[in-house]
Every structure is written in C-alpha cells, then in structure tokens.
Amino acid sequence: QPGNIYASKHKDGKWYRTSVIKVI
C-alpha cells in the first residue's frame, strides 16, 4: 500500500526502511 513503510534490501546488501510511493 502506498504510504506504508517496508524493509528492502539495497544493491549494497544492506536493509533499509522504504516508504512505498506508488505500485505500478
């Protein structure tokens, strides 16, 4: 859902908090 925050693995191998803006 847009506006919700998730964890995502970046290409550097680390996890970051990411907020979804739009689901295409």
mmCIF file of all heavy atoms, coordinates in Angstrom:
data_MODEL
# 
_entry.id   MODEL 
# 
loop_
_atom_site.group_PDB 
_atom_site.id 
_atom_site.type_symbol 
_atom_site.label_atom_id 
_atom_site.label_alt_id 
_atom_site.label_comp_id 
_atom_site.label_asym_id 
_atom_site.label_entity_id 
_atom_site.label_seq_id 
_atom_site.pdbx_PDB_ins_code 
_atom_site.Cartn_x 
_atom_site.Cartn_y 
_atom_site.Cartn_z 
_atom_site.occupancy 
_atom_site.B_iso_or_equiv 
_atom_site.pdbx_formal_charge 
_atom_site.auth_seq_id 
_atom_site.auth_comp_id 
_atom_site.auth_asym_id 
_atom_site.auth_atom_id 
_atom_site.pdbx_PDB_model_num 
ATOM 1   N N   . GLN A 1 1  ? 0.826  -1.202  0.000   1.00 0.00 ? 1  GLN A N   1 
ATOM 2   C CA  . GLN A 1 1  ? 0.000  0.000   0.000   1.00 0.00 ? 1  GLN A CA  1 
ATOM 3   C C   . GLN A 1 1  ? 0.863  1.256   0.000   1.00 0.00 ? 1  GLN A C   1 
ATOM 4   O O   . GLN A 1 1  ? 1.788  1.372   0.820   1.00 0.00 ? 1  GLN A O   1 
ATOM 5   C CB  . GLN A 1 1  ? -0.904 0.017   1.240   1.00 0.00 ? 1  GLN A CB  1 
ATOM 6   C CG  . GLN A 1 1  ? -1.864 -1.149  1.318   1.00 0.00 ? 1  GLN A CG  1 
ATOM 7   C CD  . GLN A 1 1  ? -2.824 -1.184  0.154   1.00 0.00 ? 1  GLN A CD  1 
ATOM 8   O OE1 . GLN A 1 1  ? -3.368 -0.167  -0.249  1.00 0.00 ? 1  GLN A OE1 1 
ATOM 9   N NE2 . GLN A 1 1  ? -3.012 -2.370  -0.422  1.00 0.00 ? 1  GLN A NE2 1 
ATOM 10  N N   . PRO A 1 2  ? 0.573  2.208   -0.905  1.00 0.00 ? 2  PRO A N   1 
ATOM 11  C CA  . PRO A 1 2  ? 1.293  3.487   -0.878  1.00 0.00 ? 2  PRO A CA  1 
ATOM 12  C C   . PRO A 1 2  ? 1.171  4.145   0.490   1.00 0.00 ? 2  PRO A C   1 
ATOM 13  O O   . PRO A 1 2  ? 0.112  4.115   1.116   1.00 0.00 ? 2  PRO A O   1 
ATOM 14  C CB  . PRO A 1 2  ? 0.584  4.313   -1.959  1.00 0.00 ? 2  PRO A CB  1 
ATOM 15  C CG  . PRO A 1 2  ? 0.041  3.283   -2.901  1.00 0.00 ? 2  PRO A CG  1 
ATOM 16  C CD  . PRO A 1 2  ? -0.373 2.131   -2.018  1.00 0.00 ? 2  PRO A CD  1 
ATOM 17  N N   . GLY A 1 3  ? 2.290  4.690   0.950   1.00 0.00 ? 3  GLY A N   1 
ATOM 18  C CA  . GLY A 1 3  ? 2.336  5.329   2.255   1.00 0.00 ? 3  GLY A CA  1 
ATOM 19  C C   . GLY A 1 3  ? 2.843  4.421   3.359   1.00 0.00 ? 3  GLY A C   1 
ATOM 20  O O   . GLY A 1 3  ? 3.293  4.894   4.393   1.00 0.00 ? 3  GLY A O   1 
ATOM 21  N N   . ASN A 1 4  ? 2.782  3.107   3.161   1.00 0.00 ? 4  ASN A N   1 
ATOM 22  C CA  . ASN A 1 4  ? 3.285  2.174   4.167   1.00 0.00 ? 4  ASN A CA  1 
ATOM 23  C C   . ASN A 1 4  ? 4.796  2.035   4.043   1.00 0.00 ? 4  ASN A C   1 
ATOM 24  O O   . ASN A 1 4  ? 5.363  2.199   2.966   1.00 0.00 ? 4  ASN A O   1 
ATOM 25  C CB  . ASN A 1 4  ? 2.628  0.809   4.030   1.00 0.00 ? 4  ASN A CB  1 
ATOM 26  C CG  . ASN A 1 4  ? 1.187  0.807   4.509   1.00 0.00 ? 4  ASN A CG  1 
ATOM 27  O OD1 . ASN A 1 4  ? 0.700  1.794   5.050   1.00 0.00 ? 4  ASN A OD1 1 
ATOM 28  N ND2 . ASN A 1 4  ? 0.508  -0.307  4.310   1.00 0.00 ? 4  ASN A ND2 1 
ATOM 29  N N   . ILE A 1 5  ? 5.417  1.681   5.161   1.00 0.00 ? 5  ILE A N   1 
ATOM 30  C CA  . ILE A 1 5  ? 6.869  1.531   5.198   1.00 0.00 ? 5  ILE A CA  1 
ATOM 31  C C   . ILE A 1 5  ? 7.220  0.045   5.261   1.00 0.00 ? 5  ILE A C   1 
ATOM 32  O O   . ILE A 1 5  ? 6.610  -0.719  6.013   1.00 0.00 ? 5  ILE A O   1 
ATOM 33  C CB  . ILE A 1 5  ? 7.470  2.270   6.420   1.00 0.00 ? 5  ILE A CB  1 
ATOM 34  C CG1 . ILE A 1 5  ? 7.070  3.737   6.384   1.00 0.00 ? 5  ILE A CG1 1 
ATOM 35  C CG2 . ILE A 1 5  ? 8.990  2.131   6.436   1.00 0.00 ? 5  ILE A CG2 1 
ATOM 36  C CD1 . ILE A 1 5  ? 7.477  4.499   7.625   1.00 0.00 ? 5  ILE A CD1 1 
ATOM 37  N N   . TYR A 1 6  ? 8.208  -0.331  4.471   1.00 0.00 ? 6  TYR A N   1 
ATOM 38  C CA  . TYR A 1 6  ? 8.667  -1.717  4.378   1.00 0.00 ? 6  TYR A CA  1 
ATOM 39  C C   . TYR A 1 6  ? 10.187 -1.742  4.554   1.00 0.00 ? 6  TYR A C   1 
ATOM 40  O O   . TYR A 1 6  ? 10.837 -0.708  4.543   1.00 0.00 ? 6  TYR A O   1 
ATOM 41  C CB  . TYR A 1 6  ? 8.303  -2.307  3.006   1.00 0.00 ? 6  TYR A CB  1 
ATOM 42  C CG  . TYR A 1 6  ? 6.820  -2.302  2.743   1.00 0.00 ? 6  TYR A CG  1 
ATOM 43  C CD1 . TYR A 1 6  ? 6.186  -1.175  2.220   1.00 0.00 ? 6  TYR A CD1 1 
ATOM 44  C CD2 . TYR A 1 6  ? 6.043  -3.408  3.050   1.00 0.00 ? 6  TYR A CD2 1 
ATOM 45  C CE1 . TYR A 1 6  ? 4.808  -1.159  1.999   1.00 0.00 ? 6  TYR A CE1 1 
ATOM 46  C CE2 . TYR A 1 6  ? 4.667  -3.407  2.827   1.00 0.00 ? 6  TYR A CE2 1 
ATOM 47  C CZ  . TYR A 1 6  ? 4.068  -2.276  2.308   1.00 0.00 ? 6  TYR A CZ  1 
ATOM 48  O OH  . TYR A 1 6  ? 2.710  -2.272  2.090   1.00 0.00 ? 6  TYR A OH  1 
ATOM 49  N N   . ALA A 1 7  ? 10.721 -2.936  4.675   1.00 0.00 ? 7  ALA A N   1 
ATOM 50  C CA  . ALA A 1 7  ? 12.172 -3.116  4.615   1.00 0.00 ? 7  ALA A CA  1 
ATOM 51  C C   . ALA A 1 7  ? 12.498 -3.538  3.189   1.00 0.00 ? 7  ALA A C   1 
ATOM 52  O O   . ALA A 1 7  ? 11.707 -4.232  2.551   1.00 0.00 ? 7  ALA A O   1 
ATOM 53  C CB  . ALA A 1 7  ? 12.620 -4.191  5.593   1.00 0.00 ? 7  ALA A CB  1 
ATOM 54  N N   . SER A 1 8  ? 13.631 -3.079  2.701   1.00 0.00 ? 8  SER A N   1 
ATOM 55  C CA  . SER A 1 8  ? 14.060 -3.530  1.374   1.00 0.00 ? 8  SER A CA  1 
ATOM 56  C C   . SER A 1 8  ? 15.563 -3.696  1.365   1.00 0.00 ? 8  SER A C   1 
ATOM 57  O O   . SER A 1 8  ? 16.292 -2.952  2.024   1.00 0.00 ? 8  SER A O   1 
ATOM 58  C CB  . SER A 1 8  ? 13.621 -2.555  0.279   1.00 0.00 ? 8  SER A CB  1 
ATOM 59  O OG  . SER A 1 8  ? 14.325 -1.342  0.380   1.00 0.00 ? 8  SER A OG  1 
ATOM 60  N N   . LYS A 1 9  ? 16.001 -4.684  0.615   1.00 0.00 ? 9  LYS A N   1 
ATOM 61  C CA  . LYS A 1 9  ? 17.430 -4.939  0.502   1.00 0.00 ? 9  LYS A CA  1 
ATOM 62  C C   . LYS A 1 9  ? 17.967 -4.154  -0.687  1.00 0.00 ? 9  LYS A C   1 
ATOM 63  O O   . LYS A 1 9  ? 17.511 -4.305  -1.810  1.00 0.00 ? 9  LYS A O   1 
ATOM 64  C CB  . LYS A 1 9  ? 17.704 -6.427  0.337   1.00 0.00 ? 9  LYS A CB  1 
ATOM 65  C CG  . LYS A 1 9  ? 19.146 -6.786  0.567   1.00 0.00 ? 9  LYS A CG  1 
ATOM 66  C CD  . LYS A 1 9  ? 19.310 -8.283  0.694   1.00 0.00 ? 9  LYS A CD  1 
ATOM 67  C CE  . LYS A 1 9  ? 20.674 -8.623  1.229   1.00 0.00 ? 9  LYS A CE  1 
ATOM 68  N NZ  . LYS A 1 9  ? 20.821 -10.065 1.434   1.00 0.00 ? 9  LYS A NZ  1 
ATOM 69  N N   . HIS A 1 10 ? 18.935 -3.318  -0.414  1.00 0.00 ? 10 HIS A N   1 
ATOM 70  C CA  . HIS A 1 10 ? 19.549 -2.465  -1.433  1.00 0.00 ? 10 HIS A CA  1 
ATOM 71  C C   . HIS A 1 10 ? 20.638 -3.262  -2.149  1.00 0.00 ? 10 HIS A C   1 
ATOM 72  O O   . HIS A 1 10 ? 21.093 -4.300  -1.665  1.00 0.00 ? 10 HIS A O   1 
ATOM 73  C CB  . HIS A 1 10 ? 20.145 -1.232  -0.732  1.00 0.00 ? 10 HIS A CB  1 
ATOM 74  C CG  . HIS A 1 10 ? 20.553 -0.142  -1.655  1.00 0.00 ? 10 HIS A CG  1 
ATOM 75  N ND1 . HIS A 1 10 ? 21.818 -0.056  -2.169  1.00 0.00 ? 10 HIS A ND1 1 
ATOM 76  C CD2 . HIS A 1 10 ? 19.867 0.916   -2.155  1.00 0.00 ? 10 HIS A CD2 1 
ATOM 77  C CE1 . HIS A 1 10 ? 21.901 1.011   -2.944  1.00 0.00 ? 10 HIS A CE1 1 
ATOM 78  N NE2 . HIS A 1 10 ? 20.732 1.617   -2.951  1.00 0.00 ? 10 HIS A NE2 1 
ATOM 79  N N   . LYS A 1 11 ? 21.087 -2.740  -3.282  1.00 0.00 ? 11 LYS A N   1 
ATOM 80  C CA  . LYS A 1 11 ? 22.143 -3.435  -4.033  1.00 0.00 ? 11 LYS A CA  1 
ATOM 81  C C   . LYS A 1 11 ? 23.455 -3.508  -3.262  1.00 0.00 ? 11 LYS A C   1 
ATOM 82  O O   . LYS A 1 11 ? 24.321 -4.316  -3.573  1.00 0.00 ? 11 LYS A O   1 
ATOM 83  C CB  . LYS A 1 11 ? 22.343 -2.795  -5.404  1.00 0.00 ? 11 LYS A CB  1 
ATOM 84  C CG  . LYS A 1 11 ? 22.770 -1.360  -5.372  1.00 0.00 ? 11 LYS A CG  1 
ATOM 85  C CD  . LYS A 1 11 ? 22.834 -0.795  -6.782  1.00 0.00 ? 11 LYS A CD  1 
ATOM 86  C CE  . LYS A 1 11 ? 23.085 0.697   -6.727  1.00 0.00 ? 11 LYS A CE  1 
ATOM 87  N NZ  . LYS A 1 11 ? 22.979 1.310   -8.038  1.00 0.00 ? 11 LYS A NZ  1 
ATOM 88  N N   . ASP A 1 12 ? 23.593 -2.672  -2.197  1.00 0.00 ? 12 ASP A N   1 
ATOM 89  C CA  . ASP A 1 12 ? 24.794 -2.747  -1.357  1.00 0.00 ? 12 ASP A CA  1 
ATOM 90  C C   . ASP A 1 12 ? 24.719 -3.900  -0.350  1.00 0.00 ? 12 ASP A C   1 
ATOM 91  O O   . ASP A 1 12 ? 25.623 -4.093  0.449   1.00 0.00 ? 12 ASP A O   1 
ATOM 92  C CB  . ASP A 1 12 ? 25.057 -1.412  -0.644  1.00 0.00 ? 12 ASP A CB  1 
ATOM 93  C CG  . ASP A 1 12 ? 24.003 -1.046  0.385   1.00 0.00 ? 12 ASP A CG  1 
ATOM 94  O OD1 . ASP A 1 12 ? 23.075 -1.843  0.644   1.00 0.00 ? 12 ASP A OD1 1 
ATOM 95  O OD2 . ASP A 1 12 ? 24.096 0.069   0.941   1.00 0.00 ? 12 ASP A OD2 1 
ATOM 96  N N   . GLY A 1 13 ? 23.590 -4.647  -0.383  1.00 0.00 ? 13 GLY A N   1 
ATOM 97  C CA  . GLY A 1 13 ? 23.433 -5.800  0.501   1.00 0.00 ? 13 GLY A CA  1 
ATOM 98  C C   . GLY A 1 13 ? 22.845 -5.461  1.855   1.00 0.00 ? 13 GLY A C   1 
ATOM 99  O O   . GLY A 1 13 ? 22.624 -6.356  2.673   1.00 0.00 ? 13 GLY A O   1 
ATOM 100 N N   . LYS A 1 14 ? 22.584 -4.198  2.129   1.00 0.00 ? 14 LYS A N   1 
ATOM 101 C CA  . LYS A 1 14 ? 22.029 -3.783  3.415   1.00 0.00 ? 14 LYS A CA  1 
ATOM 102 C C   . LYS A 1 14 ? 20.530 -3.544  3.303   1.00 0.00 ? 14 LYS A C   1 
ATOM 103 O O   . LYS A 1 14 ? 20.008 -3.262  2.233   1.00 0.00 ? 14 LYS A O   1 
ATOM 104 C CB  . LYS A 1 14 ? 22.711 -2.512  3.907   1.00 0.00 ? 14 LYS A CB  1 
ATOM 105 C CG  . LYS A 1 14 ? 24.182 -2.725  4.184   1.00 0.00 ? 14 LYS A CG  1 
ATOM 106 C CD  . LYS A 1 14 ? 24.766 -1.542  4.895   1.00 0.00 ? 14 LYS A CD  1 
ATOM 107 C CE  . LYS A 1 14 ? 26.248 -1.737  4.969   1.00 0.00 ? 14 LYS A CE  1 
ATOM 108 N NZ  . LYS A 1 14 ? 26.831 -1.796  6.194   1.00 0.00 ? 14 LYS A NZ  1 
ATOM 109 N N   . TRP A 1 15 ? 19.860 -3.651  4.461   1.00 0.00 ? 15 TRP A N   1 
ATOM 110 C CA  . TRP A 1 15 ? 18.424 -3.430  4.544   1.00 0.00 ? 15 TRP A CA  1 
ATOM 111 C C   . TRP A 1 15 ? 18.151 -1.986  4.935   1.00 0.00 ? 15 TRP A C   1 
ATOM 112 O O   . TRP A 1 15 ? 18.843 -1.423  5.790   1.00 0.00 ? 15 TRP A O   1 
ATOM 113 C CB  . TRP A 1 15 ? 17.812 -4.369  5.579   1.00 0.00 ? 15 TRP A CB  1 
ATOM 114 C CG  . TRP A 1 15 ? 17.833 -5.794  5.129   1.00 0.00 ? 15 TRP A CG  1 
ATOM 115 C CD1 . TRP A 1 15 ? 18.811 -6.721  5.380   1.00 0.00 ? 15 TRP A CD1 1 
ATOM 116 C CD2 . TRP A 1 15 ? 16.871 -6.442  4.336   1.00 0.00 ? 15 TRP A CD2 1 
ATOM 117 N NE1 . TRP A 1 15 ? 18.502 -7.909  4.785   1.00 0.00 ? 15 TRP A NE1 1 
ATOM 118 C CE2 . TRP A 1 15 ? 17.298 -7.773  4.140   1.00 0.00 ? 15 TRP A CE2 1 
ATOM 119 C CE3 . TRP A 1 15 ? 15.657 -6.045  3.763   1.00 0.00 ? 15 TRP A CE3 1 
ATOM 120 C CZ2 . TRP A 1 15 ? 16.575 -8.700  3.409   1.00 0.00 ? 15 TRP A CZ2 1 
ATOM 121 C CZ3 . TRP A 1 15 ? 14.927 -6.976  3.040   1.00 0.00 ? 15 TRP A CZ3 1 
ATOM 122 C CH2 . TRP A 1 15 ? 15.390 -8.280  2.866   1.00 0.00 ? 15 TRP A CH2 1 
ATOM 123 N N   . TYR A 1 16 ? 17.114 -1.414  4.321   1.00 0.00 ? 16 TYR A N   1 
ATOM 124 C CA  . TYR A 1 16 ? 16.735 -0.022  4.598   1.00 0.00 ? 16 TYR A CA  1 
ATOM 125 C C   . TYR A 1 16 ? 15.220 0.096   4.723   1.00 0.00 ? 16 TYR A C   1 
ATOM 126 O O   . TYR A 1 16 ? 14.474 -0.701  4.144   1.00 0.00 ? 16 TYR A O   1 
ATOM 127 C CB  . TYR A 1 16 ? 17.213 0.903   3.470   1.00 0.00 ? 16 TYR A CB  1 
ATOM 128 C CG  . TYR A 1 16 ? 18.713 0.942   3.342   1.00 0.00 ? 16 TYR A CG  1 
ATOM 129 C CD1 . TYR A 1 16 ? 19.361 0.176   2.383   1.00 0.00 ? 16 TYR A CD1 1 
ATOM 130 C CD2 . TYR A 1 16 ? 19.475 1.734   4.196   1.00 0.00 ? 16 TYR A CD2 1 
ATOM 131 C CE1 . TYR A 1 16 ? 20.739 0.199   2.272   1.00 0.00 ? 16 TYR A CE1 1 
ATOM 132 C CE2 . TYR A 1 16 ? 20.857 1.763   4.085   1.00 0.00 ? 16 TYR A CE2 1 
ATOM 133 C CZ  . TYR A 1 16 ? 21.483 0.995   3.122   1.00 0.00 ? 16 TYR A CZ  1 
ATOM 134 O OH  . TYR A 1 16 ? 22.850 1.015   3.018   1.00 0.00 ? 16 TYR A OH  1 
ATOM 135 N N   . ARG A 1 17 ? 14.786 1.110   5.445   1.00 0.00 ? 17 ARG A N   1 
ATOM 136 C CA  . ARG A 1 17 ? 13.358 1.408   5.516   1.00 0.00 ? 17 ARG A CA  1 
ATOM 137 C C   . ARG A 1 17 ? 12.966 2.168   4.249   1.00 0.00 ? 17 ARG A C   1 
ATOM 138 O O   . ARG A 1 17 ? 13.612 3.148   3.891   1.00 0.00 ? 17 ARG A O   1 
ATOM 139 C CB  . ARG A 1 17 ? 13.033 2.257   6.750   1.00 0.00 ? 17 ARG A CB  1 
ATOM 140 C CG  . ARG A 1 17 ? 13.311 1.542   8.048   1.00 0.00 ? 17 ARG A CG  1 
ATOM 141 C CD  . ARG A 1 17 ? 12.808 2.277   9.265   1.00 0.00 ? 17 ARG A CD  1 
ATOM 142 N NE  . ARG A 1 17 ? 13.111 3.696   9.252   1.00 0.00 ? 17 ARG A NE  1 
ATOM 143 C CZ  . ARG A 1 17 ? 12.452 4.612   9.967   1.00 0.00 ? 17 ARG A CZ  1 
ATOM 144 N NH1 . ARG A 1 17 ? 11.460 4.257   10.737  1.00 0.00 ? 17 ARG A NH1 1 
ATOM 145 N NH2 . ARG A 1 17 ? 12.791 5.874   9.924   1.00 0.00 ? 17 ARG A NH2 1 
ATOM 146 N N   . THR A 1 18 ? 11.912 1.681   3.600   1.00 0.00 ? 18 THR A N   1 
ATOM 147 C CA  . THR A 1 18 ? 11.455 2.312   2.373   1.00 0.00 ? 18 THR A CA  1 
ATOM 148 C C   . THR A 1 18 ? 9.948  2.526   2.438   1.00 0.00 ? 18 THR A C   1 
ATOM 149 O O   . THR A 1 18 ? 9.206  1.638   2.842   1.00 0.00 ? 18 THR A O   1 
ATOM 150 C CB  . THR A 1 18 ? 11.778 1.449   1.136   1.00 0.00 ? 18 THR A CB  1 
ATOM 151 O OG1 . THR A 1 18 ? 11.318 0.123   1.371   1.00 0.00 ? 18 THR A OG1 1 
ATOM 152 C CG2 . THR A 1 18 ? 13.253 1.399   0.847   1.00 0.00 ? 18 THR A CG2 1 
ATOM 153 N N   . SER A 1 19 ? 9.537  3.707   2.051   1.00 0.00 ? 19 SER A N   1 
ATOM 154 C CA  . SER A 1 19 ? 8.123  4.050   2.001   1.00 0.00 ? 19 SER A CA  1 
ATOM 155 C C   . SER A 1 19 ? 7.648  3.876   0.561   1.00 0.00 ? 19 SER A C   1 
ATOM 156 O O   . SER A 1 19 ? 8.272  4.387   -0.367  1.00 0.00 ? 19 SER A O   1 
ATOM 157 C CB  . SER A 1 19 ? 7.947  5.506   2.446   1.00 0.00 ? 19 SER A CB  1 
ATOM 158 O OG  . SER A 1 19 ? 6.625  5.915   2.251   1.00 0.00 ? 19 SER A OG  1 
ATOM 159 N N   . VAL A 1 20 ? 6.545  3.151   0.392   1.00 0.00 ? 20 VAL A N   1 
ATOM 160 C CA  . VAL A 1 20 ? 6.017  2.946   -0.955  1.00 0.00 ? 20 VAL A CA  1 
ATOM 161 C C   . VAL A 1 20 ? 5.285  4.205   -1.396  1.00 0.00 ? 20 VAL A C   1 
ATOM 162 O O   . VAL A 1 20 ? 4.429  4.740   -0.694  1.00 0.00 ? 20 VAL A O   1 
ATOM 163 C CB  . VAL A 1 20 ? 5.084  1.719   -1.008  1.00 0.00 ? 20 VAL A CB  1 
ATOM 164 C CG1 . VAL A 1 20 ? 4.318  1.662   -2.319  1.00 0.00 ? 20 VAL A CG1 1 
ATOM 165 C CG2 . VAL A 1 20 ? 5.897  0.452   -0.828  1.00 0.00 ? 20 VAL A CG2 1 
ATOM 166 N N   . ILE A 1 21 ? 5.646  4.686   -2.559  1.00 0.00 ? 21 ILE A N   1 
ATOM 167 C CA  . ILE A 1 21 ? 5.027  5.866   -3.146  1.00 0.00 ? 21 ILE A CA  1 
ATOM 168 C C   . ILE A 1 21 ? 3.887  5.438   -4.075  1.00 0.00 ? 21 ILE A C   1 
ATOM 169 O O   . ILE A 1 21 ? 2.775  5.941   -3.973  1.00 0.00 ? 21 ILE A O   1 
ATOM 170 C CB  . ILE A 1 21 ? 6.057  6.686   -3.957  1.00 0.00 ? 21 ILE A CB  1 
ATOM 171 C CG1 . ILE A 1 21 ? 7.249  7.073   -3.082  1.00 0.00 ? 21 ILE A CG1 1 
ATOM 172 C CG2 . ILE A 1 21 ? 5.404  7.901   -4.585  1.00 0.00 ? 21 ILE A CG2 1 
ATOM 173 C CD1 . ILE A 1 21 ? 6.921  7.904   -1.874  1.00 0.00 ? 21 ILE A CD1 1 
ATOM 174 N N   . LYS A 1 22 ? 4.184  4.491   -4.976  1.00 0.00 ? 22 LYS A N   1 
ATOM 175 C CA  . LYS A 1 22 ? 3.180  4.058   -5.946  1.00 0.00 ? 22 LYS A CA  1 
ATOM 176 C C   . LYS A 1 22 ? 3.490  2.636   -6.407  1.00 0.00 ? 22 LYS A C   1 
ATOM 177 O O   . LYS A 1 22 ? 4.647  2.307   -6.668  1.00 0.00 ? 22 LYS A O   1 
ATOM 178 C CB  . LYS A 1 22 ? 3.175  5.001   -7.153  1.00 0.00 ? 22 LYS A CB  1 
ATOM 179 C CG  . LYS A 1 22 ? 2.106  4.698   -8.167  1.00 0.00 ? 22 LYS A CG  1 
ATOM 180 C CD  . LYS A 1 22 ? 2.087  5.734   -9.271  1.00 0.00 ? 22 LYS A CD  1 
ATOM 181 C CE  . LYS A 1 22 ? 0.942  5.438   -10.220 1.00 0.00 ? 22 LYS A CE  1 
ATOM 182 N NZ  . LYS A 1 22 ? 0.854  6.423   -11.286 1.00 0.00 ? 22 LYS A NZ  1 
ATOM 183 N N   . VAL A 1 23 ? 2.449  1.830   -6.501  1.00 0.00 ? 23 VAL A N   1 
ATOM 184 C CA  . VAL A 1 23 ? 2.588  0.479   -7.040  1.00 0.00 ? 23 VAL A CA  1 
ATOM 185 C C   . VAL A 1 23 ? 2.215  0.545   -8.511  1.00 0.00 ? 23 VAL A C   1 
ATOM 186 O O   . VAL A 1 23 ? 1.067  0.819   -8.862  1.00 0.00 ? 23 VAL A O   1 
ATOM 187 C CB  . VAL A 1 23 ? 1.685  -0.520  -6.299  1.00 0.00 ? 23 VAL A CB  1 
ATOM 188 C CG1 . VAL A 1 23 ? 1.807  -1.904  -6.925  1.00 0.00 ? 23 VAL A CG1 1 
ATOM 189 C CG2 . VAL A 1 23 ? 2.020  -0.549  -4.816  1.00 0.00 ? 23 VAL A CG2 1 
ATOM 190 N N   . ILE A 1 24 ? 3.180  0.348   -9.370  1.00 0.00 ? 24 ILE A N   1 
ATOM 191 C CA  . ILE A 1 24 ? 2.945  0.387   -10.810 1.00 0.00 ? 24 ILE A CA  1 
ATOM 192 C C   . ILE A 1 24 ? 2.560  -1.012  -11.290 1.00 0.00 ? 24 ILE A C   1 
ATOM 193 O O   . ILE A 1 24 ? 1.546  -1.201  -11.944 1.00 0.00 ? 24 ILE A O   1 
ATOM 194 C CB  . ILE A 1 24 ? 4.183  0.936   -11.545 1.00 0.00 ? 24 ILE A CB  1 
ATOM 195 C CG1 . ILE A 1 24 ? 4.463  2.366   -11.032 1.00 0.00 ? 24 ILE A CG1 1 
ATOM 196 C CG2 . ILE A 1 24 ? 3.983  0.905   -13.058 1.00 0.00 ? 24 ILE A CG2 1 
ATOM 197 C CD1 . ILE A 1 24 ? 5.835  2.885   -11.310 1.00 0.00 ? 24 ILE A CD1 1 
# 
